[in-house]
Amino acid sequence: MQIHCTYCGSPLNISRKQAEAALDVLHENGLAYYEIRCPRCRKMNKIPREMLRRAAPRWQPKEGQ
């Protein structure tokens, strides 16, 4: 998945494994957004849960959480 930084417009790449890990964090903490830092301008960008679900469509919450 590729998004663009909200502040500088630099492209940010997120792999399927990173999207699955982000969804795990969101699920564990009950969050709606995952924050990723832009490597160019160092500002945090919010990625909504729905966008991460599109990047990792087969993701399922782990048992016991």
N, C-alpha and C. Protein backbone atom coordinates (compact mmCIF):
# COMPACT_ATOMS: atom_id res chain seq x y z
N MET A 1 0.85 -1.16 0.00
CA MET A 1 0.00 0.00 0.00
C MET A 1 0.90 1.23 0.00
N GLN A 2 0.52 2.19 -0.80
CA GLN A 2 1.30 3.42 -0.84
C GLN A 2 0.37 4.59 -0.54
N ILE A 3 0.79 5.41 0.42
CA ILE A 3 0.08 6.63 0.75
C ILE A 3 1.05 7.79 0.61
N HIS A 4 0.54 8.99 0.72
CA HIS A 4 1.39 10.17 0.65
C HIS A 4 1.31 10.93 1.97
N CYS A 5 2.42 11.47 2.39
CA CYS A 5 2.48 12.26 3.62
C CYS A 5 1.52 13.44 3.50
N THR A 6 0.78 13.67 4.54
CA THR A 6 -0.18 14.77 4.58
C THR A 6 0.52 16.12 4.53
N TYR A 7 1.73 16.18 5.01
CA TYR A 7 2.43 17.45 5.16
C TYR A 7 3.35 17.79 3.99
N CYS A 8 4.16 16.82 3.56
CA CYS A 8 5.14 17.12 2.51
C CYS A 8 4.84 16.42 1.18
N GLY A 9 3.91 15.48 1.18
CA GLY A 9 3.54 14.79 -0.05
C GLY A 9 4.45 13.66 -0.44
N SER A 10 5.43 13.34 0.38
CA SER A 10 6.35 12.26 0.09
C SER A 10 5.62 10.91 0.17
N PRO A 11 5.92 9.97 -0.76
CA PRO A 11 5.25 8.67 -0.72
C PRO A 11 5.72 7.82 0.46
N LEU A 12 4.78 7.14 1.10
CA LEU A 12 5.06 6.24 2.21
C LEU A 12 4.58 4.85 1.82
N ASN A 13 5.45 3.88 1.85
CA ASN A 13 5.09 2.51 1.49
C ASN A 13 4.84 1.69 2.75
N ILE A 14 3.76 0.93 2.73
CA ILE A 14 3.42 0.05 3.84
C ILE A 14 3.19 -1.34 3.27
N SER A 15 3.98 -2.30 3.72
CA SER A 15 3.84 -3.67 3.23
C SER A 15 2.64 -4.34 3.90
N ARG A 16 2.26 -5.49 3.38
CA ARG A 16 1.14 -6.24 3.95
C ARG A 16 1.46 -6.66 5.39
N LYS A 17 2.70 -7.06 5.64
CA LYS A 17 3.08 -7.46 7.01
C LYS A 17 3.01 -6.27 7.96
N GLN A 18 3.42 -5.11 7.51
CA GLN A 18 3.33 -3.91 8.35
C GLN A 18 1.88 -3.55 8.61
N ALA A 19 1.03 -3.70 7.60
CA ALA A 19 -0.40 -3.41 7.77
C ALA A 19 -1.03 -4.37 8.77
N GLU A 20 -0.65 -5.65 8.71
CA GLU A 20 -1.18 -6.63 9.65
C GLU A 20 -0.71 -6.33 11.07
N ALA A 21 0.56 -5.95 11.22
CA ALA A 21 1.08 -5.58 12.54
C ALA A 21 0.36 -4.34 13.08
N ALA A 22 0.10 -3.38 12.21
CA ALA A 22 -0.62 -2.16 12.62
C ALA A 22 -2.04 -2.51 13.05
N LEU A 23 -2.69 -3.41 12.33
CA LEU A 23 -4.05 -3.84 12.70
C LEU A 23 -4.05 -4.56 14.04
N ASP A 24 -3.00 -5.34 14.32
CA ASP A 24 -2.89 -5.99 15.62
C ASP A 24 -2.81 -4.94 16.74
N VAL A 25 -2.01 -3.91 16.52
CA VAL A 25 -1.87 -2.84 17.52
C VAL A 25 -3.20 -2.12 17.72
N LEU A 26 -3.87 -1.81 16.63
CA LEU A 26 -5.16 -1.12 16.73
C LEU A 26 -6.18 -1.97 17.46
N HIS A 27 -6.20 -3.27 17.17
CA HIS A 27 -7.15 -4.16 17.81
C HIS A 27 -6.87 -4.30 19.31
N GLU A 28 -5.61 -4.45 19.67
CA GLU A 28 -5.22 -4.62 21.07
C GLU A 28 -5.54 -3.38 21.91
N ASN A 29 -5.34 -2.20 21.32
CA ASN A 29 -5.51 -0.95 22.07
C ASN A 29 -6.83 -0.25 21.82
N GLY A 30 -7.66 -0.78 20.94
CA GLY A 30 -8.95 -0.18 20.65
C GLY A 30 -8.85 1.18 19.97
N LEU A 31 -7.88 1.33 19.10
CA LEU A 31 -7.66 2.61 18.41
C LEU A 31 -8.34 2.63 17.05
N ALA A 32 -8.59 3.81 16.52
CA ALA A 32 -9.20 3.95 15.20
C ALA A 32 -8.17 4.30 14.13
N TYR A 33 -7.02 4.85 14.54
CA TYR A 33 -5.99 5.27 13.60
C TYR A 33 -4.63 4.71 14.02
N TYR A 34 -3.80 4.43 13.03
CA TYR A 34 -2.42 4.04 13.28
C TYR A 34 -1.55 5.20 12.81
N GLU A 35 -0.55 5.53 13.56
CA GLU A 35 0.32 6.65 13.20
C GLU A 35 1.65 6.13 12.66
N ILE A 36 2.04 6.71 11.54
CA ILE A 36 3.32 6.36 10.92
C ILE A 36 4.09 7.66 10.67
N ARG A 37 5.38 7.61 10.94
CA ARG A 37 6.22 8.81 10.79
C ARG A 37 6.78 8.88 9.37
N CYS A 38 6.69 10.05 8.78
CA CYS A 38 7.24 10.29 7.45
C CYS A 38 8.77 10.35 7.57
N PRO A 39 9.49 9.59 6.75
CA PRO A 39 10.95 9.62 6.84
C PRO A 39 11.55 10.93 6.32
N ARG A 40 10.80 11.67 5.54
CA ARG A 40 11.33 12.91 4.97
C ARG A 40 11.16 14.10 5.91
N CYS A 41 9.93 14.35 6.37
CA CYS A 41 9.68 15.53 7.20
C CYS A 41 9.54 15.20 8.69
N ARG A 42 9.51 13.91 9.03
CA ARG A 42 9.47 13.43 10.42
C ARG A 42 8.15 13.72 11.14
N LYS A 43 7.10 14.06 10.41
CA LYS A 43 5.81 14.31 11.05
C LYS A 43 4.98 13.03 11.01
N MET A 44 4.07 12.90 11.99
CA MET A 44 3.23 11.72 12.11
C MET A 44 2.01 11.84 11.20
N ASN A 45 1.68 10.73 10.53
CA ASN A 45 0.52 10.66 9.65
C ASN A 45 -0.43 9.61 10.21
N LYS A 46 -1.71 9.92 10.24
CA LYS A 46 -2.71 8.97 10.72
C LYS A 46 -3.24 8.15 9.56
N ILE A 47 -3.26 6.83 9.76
CA ILE A 47 -3.81 5.93 8.76
C ILE A 47 -5.05 5.27 9.37
N PRO A 48 -6.22 5.45 8.77
CA PRO A 48 -7.44 4.87 9.32
C PRO A 48 -7.44 3.35 9.24
N ARG A 49 -8.16 2.73 10.16
CA ARG A 49 -8.30 1.28 10.23
C ARG A 49 -8.80 0.71 8.90
N GLU A 50 -9.77 1.37 8.27
CA GLU A 50 -10.36 0.89 7.03
C GLU A 50 -9.32 0.79 5.91
N MET A 51 -8.40 1.74 5.85
CA MET A 51 -7.36 1.72 4.83
C MET A 51 -6.41 0.55 5.07
N LEU A 52 -6.09 0.28 6.32
CA LEU A 52 -5.23 -0.85 6.64
C LEU A 52 -5.92 -2.17 6.33
N ARG A 53 -7.24 -2.23 6.53
CA ARG A 53 -7.99 -3.45 6.21
C ARG A 53 -7.97 -3.73 4.71
N ARG A 54 -7.98 -2.68 3.89
CA ARG A 54 -7.89 -2.88 2.44
C ARG A 54 -6.50 -3.40 2.05
N ALA A 55 -5.47 -3.00 2.78
CA ALA A 55 -4.11 -3.44 2.49
C ALA A 55 -3.86 -4.87 2.95
N ALA A 56 -4.60 -5.32 3.97
CA ALA A 56 -4.45 -6.67 4.52
C ALA A 56 -5.83 -7.30 4.67
N PRO A 57 -6.46 -7.68 3.55
CA PRO A 57 -7.85 -8.15 3.60
C PRO A 57 -8.04 -9.47 4.35
N ARG A 58 -7.01 -10.27 4.46
CA ARG A 58 -7.16 -11.58 5.13
C ARG A 58 -6.83 -11.53 6.62
N TRP A 59 -6.52 -10.37 7.14
CA TRP A 59 -6.17 -10.24 8.55
C TRP A 59 -7.36 -10.58 9.43
N GLN A 60 -7.09 -11.34 10.49
CA GLN A 60 -8.10 -11.69 11.48
C GLN A 60 -7.51 -11.42 12.87
N PRO A 61 -8.33 -10.97 13.82
CA PRO A 61 -7.81 -10.79 15.19
C PRO A 61 -7.32 -12.11 15.75
N LYS A 62 -6.26 -12.05 16.52
CA LYS A 62 -5.71 -13.27 17.14
C LYS A 62 -6.65 -13.76 18.23
N GLU A 63 -6.66 -15.07 18.43
CA GLU A 63 -7.50 -15.68 19.45
C GLU A 63 -7.06 -15.23 20.85
N GLY A 64 -8.03 -15.04 21.73
CA GLY A 64 -7.74 -14.69 23.12
C GLY A 64 -7.49 -13.21 23.36
N GLN A 65 -7.76 -12.37 22.40
CA GLN A 65 -7.53 -10.93 22.59
C GLN A 65 -8.83 -10.20 22.59
